């Protein structure tokens, strides 16, 4: 005995903005197993579909915000690394100069 069939479809003419319907259908059989009809249920799933679309929009927007923020953070990290390198190099240069000054003072 086959399982019931399911489907969902959008019907643009059911209202101003259309409606999404979910269908379930199953055959009706007589006592000999012959198909004598069908039973079908319809469920309006428009609100669920609209919520799914809205959720997808928010998800896409959040993904864009994450990409933008990640790029900003990467740029700031590079800038911090550059400043850190400048600072470390400056400190090494100061140490070298101090050592040279000490060397000059000890030669006197």
C-alpha atoms as a PDB file:
ATOM      1  CA  UNK A   1       0.000   0.000   0.000  1.00  0.00           C
ATOM      2  CA  UNK A   2       1.675   3.294  -1.073  1.00  0.00           C
ATOM      3  CA  UNK A   3       2.245   6.062   1.424  1.00  0.00           C
ATOM      4  CA  UNK A   4       0.266   9.277   1.139  1.00  0.00           C
ATOM      5  CA  UNK A   5       1.677  11.975  -1.114  1.00  0.00           C
ATOM      6  CA  UNK A   6       2.740  15.379   0.151  1.00  0.00           C
ATOM      7  CA  UNK A   7       3.326  18.610  -1.693  1.00  0.00           C
ATOM      8  CA  UNK A   8       3.389  22.334  -1.140  1.00  0.00           C
ATOM      9  CA  UNK A   9       2.785  25.047  -3.685  1.00  0.00           C
ATOM     10  CA  UNK A  10       2.223  28.778  -3.984  1.00  0.00           C
ATOM     11  CA  UNK A  11      -1.097  30.020  -5.365  1.00  0.00           C
ATOM     12  CA  UNK A  12      -0.786  33.687  -6.358  1.00  0.00           C
ATOM     13  CA  UNK A  13      -4.510  34.128  -7.102  1.00  0.00           C
ATOM     14  CA  UNK A  14      -5.886  32.987  -3.717  1.00  0.00           C
ATOM     15  CA  UNK A  15      -5.516  36.449  -2.162  1.00  0.00           C
ATOM     16  CA  UNK A  16      -3.877  39.807  -2.807  1.00  0.00           C
ATOM     17  CA  UNK A  17      -0.431  38.429  -2.048  1.00  0.00           C
ATOM     18  CA  UNK A  18      -1.134  34.742  -2.729  1.00  0.00           C
ATOM     19  CA  UNK A  19      -1.145  31.766  -0.378  1.00  0.00           C
ATOM     20  CA  UNK A  20       1.146  28.812   0.290  1.00  0.00           C
ATOM     21  CA  UNK A  21      -0.704  25.508   0.703  1.00  0.00           C
ATOM     22  CA  UNK A  22       0.514  22.141   1.942  1.00  0.00           C
ATOM     23  CA  UNK A  23      -1.302  19.070   0.584  1.00  0.00           C
ATOM     24  CA  UNK A  24      -1.488  15.521   1.826  1.00  0.00           C
ATOM     25  CA  UNK A  25      -3.329  12.953  -0.266  1.00  0.00           C
ATOM     26  CA  UNK A  26      -4.064   9.260   0.177  1.00  0.00           C
ATOM     27  CA  UNK A  27      -6.180   6.818  -1.810  1.00  0.00           C
ATOM     28  CA  UNK A  28      -9.490   5.485  -0.469  1.00  0.00           C
ATOM     29  CA  UNK A  29      -9.923   1.761  -1.102  1.00  0.00           C
ATOM     30  CA  UNK A  30     -12.880  -0.569  -0.929  1.00  0.00           C
ATOM     31  CA  UNK A  31     -12.820  -3.867   0.945  1.00  0.00           C
ATOM     32  CA  UNK A  32     -11.149  -5.536  -2.088  1.00  0.00           C
ATOM     33  CA  UNK A  33      -8.336  -2.995  -2.142  1.00  0.00           C
ATOM     34  CA  UNK A  34      -9.585  -1.160  -5.230  1.00  0.00           C
ATOM     35  CA  UNK A  35      -9.104   2.611  -5.278  1.00  0.00           C
ATOM     36  CA  UNK A  36     -12.531   4.228  -5.097  1.00  0.00           C
ATOM     37  CA  UNK A  37     -11.462   7.765  -4.303  1.00  0.00           C
ATOM     38  CA  UNK A  38      -8.973   9.874  -2.459  1.00  0.00           C
ATOM     39  CA  UNK A  39      -8.797  11.922   0.646  1.00  0.00           C
ATOM     40  CA  UNK A  40      -6.855  15.132   0.668  1.00  0.00           C
ATOM     41  CA  UNK A  41      -6.048  17.683   3.325  1.00  0.00           C
ATOM     42  CA  UNK A  42      -4.965  21.247   2.709  1.00  0.00           C
ATOM     43  CA  UNK A  43      -3.130  23.408   5.183  1.00  0.00           C
ATOM     44  CA  UNK A  44      -2.406  27.111   4.716  1.00  0.00           C
ATOM     45  CA  UNK A  45       1.318  27.480   5.485  1.00  0.00           C
ATOM     46  CA  UNK A  46       1.645  31.063   4.253  1.00  0.00           C
ATOM     47  CA  UNK A  47       2.692  32.450   7.634  1.00  0.00           C
ATOM     48  CA  UNK A  48       5.359  29.764   8.035  1.00  0.00           C
ATOM     49  CA  UNK A  49       6.727  30.467   4.541  1.00  0.00           C
ATOM     50  CA  UNK A  50       6.788  34.209   5.227  1.00  0.00           C
ATOM     51  CA  UNK A  51       8.599  33.594   8.518  1.00  0.00           C
ATOM     52  CA  UNK A  52      11.127  31.367   6.708  1.00  0.00           C
ATOM     53  CA  UNK A  53      11.714  34.097   4.095  1.00  0.00           C
ATOM     54  CA  UNK A  54      12.139  36.726   6.811  1.00  0.00           C
ATOM     55  CA  UNK A  55      14.532  34.473   8.694  1.00  0.00           C
ATOM     56  CA  UNK A  56      16.563  33.899   5.517  1.00  0.00           C
ATOM     57  CA  UNK A  57      16.777  37.677   4.940  1.00  0.00           C
ATOM     58  CA  UNK A  58      17.993  38.238   8.507  1.00  0.00           C
ATOM     59  CA  UNK A  59      20.467  35.381   8.171  1.00  0.00           C
ATOM     60  CA  UNK A  60      21.884  36.868   4.958  1.00  0.00           C
ATOM     61  CA  UNK A  61      22.081  40.311   6.563  1.00  0.00           C
ATOM     62  CA  UNK A  62      23.901  38.905   9.594  1.00  0.00           C
ATOM     63  CA  UNK A  63      26.330  37.039   7.324  1.00  0.00           C
ATOM     64  CA  UNK A  64      27.141  40.319   5.573  1.00  0.00           C
ATOM     65  CA  UNK A  65      27.645  42.072   8.922  1.00  0.00           C
ATOM     66  CA  UNK A  66      29.974  39.286  10.078  1.00  0.00           C
ATOM     67  CA  UNK A  67      32.000  39.516   6.849  1.00  0.00           C
ATOM     68  CA  UNK A  68      32.229  43.300   7.157  1.00  0.00           C
ATOM     69  CA  UNK A  69      33.217  43.164  10.833  1.00  0.00           C
ATOM     70  CA  UNK A  70      35.754  40.398  10.188  1.00  0.00           C
ATOM     71  CA  UNK A  71      37.366  42.506   7.455  1.00  0.00           C
ATOM     72  CA  UNK A  72      37.484  45.526   9.795  1.00  0.00           C
ATOM     73  CA  UNK A  73      39.063  43.429  12.550  1.00  0.00           C
ATOM     74  CA  UNK A  74      41.653  41.998  10.153  1.00  0.00           C
ATOM     75  CA  UNK A  75      42.580  45.529   9.061  1.00  0.00           C
ATOM     76  CA  UNK A  76      42.868  46.702  12.685  1.00  0.00           C
ATOM     77  CA  UNK A  77      44.992  43.652  13.521  1.00  0.00           C
ATOM     78  CA  UNK A  78      47.373  44.472  10.679  1.00  0.00           C
ATOM     79  CA  UNK A  79      47.583  48.058  11.887  1.00  0.00           C
ATOM     80  CA  UNK A  80      48.293  46.915  15.464  1.00  0.00           C
ATOM     81  CA  UNK A  81      50.991  44.528  14.226  1.00  0.00           C
ATOM     82  CA  UNK A  82      52.600  47.360  12.278  1.00  0.00           C
ATOM     83  CA  UNK A  83      52.582  49.658  15.344  1.00  0.00           C
ATOM     84  CA  UNK A  84      53.904  46.844  17.518  1.00  0.00           C
ATOM     85  CA  UNK A  85      56.751  46.221  15.076  1.00  0.00           C
ATOM     86  CA  UNK A  86      57.571  49.931  15.010  1.00  0.00           C
ATOM     87  CA  UNK A  87      57.574  50.061  18.807  1.00  0.00           C
ATOM     88  CA  UNK A  88      59.731  46.932  19.183  1.00  0.00           C
ATOM     89  CA  UNK A  89      62.178  48.192  16.548  1.00  0.00           C
ATOM     90  CA  UNK A  90      62.327  51.560  18.341  1.00  0.00           C
ATOM     91  CA  UNK A  91      63.081  49.821  21.644  1.00  0.00           C
ATOM     92  CA  UNK A  92      65.878  47.773  20.030  1.00  0.00           C
ATOM     93  CA  UNK A  93      67.322  50.936  18.462  1.00  0.00           C
ATOM     94  CA  UNK A  94      67.238  52.730  21.832  1.00  0.00           C
ATOM     95  CA  UNK A  95      69.040  49.774  23.449  1.00  0.00           C
ATOM     96  CA  UNK A  96      71.675  49.808  20.703  1.00  0.00           C
ATOM     97  CA  UNK A  97      72.232  53.537  21.207  1.00  0.00           C
ATOM     98  CA  UNK A  98      72.493  53.117  24.993  1.00  0.00           C
ATOM     99  CA  UNK A  99      75.059  50.341  24.494  1.00  0.00           C
ATOM    100  CA  UNK A 100      77.066  52.606  22.153  1.00  0.00           C
ATOM    101  CA  UNK A 101      76.926  55.444  24.653  1.00  0.00           C
ATOM    102  CA  UNK A 102      78.130  53.077  27.405  1.00  0.00           C
ATOM    103  CA  UNK A 103      80.916  51.930  25.123  1.00  0.00           C
ATOM    104  CA  UNK A 104      81.947  55.505  24.457  1.00  0.00           C
ATOM    105  CA  UNK A 105      81.912  56.335  28.186  1.00  0.00           C
ATOM    106  CA  UNK A 106      84.046  53.314  29.094  1.00  0.00           C
ATOM    107  CA  UNK A 107      86.686  54.229  26.466  1.00  0.00           C
ATOM    108  CA  UNK A 108      87.319  57.626  28.069  1.00  0.00           C
END
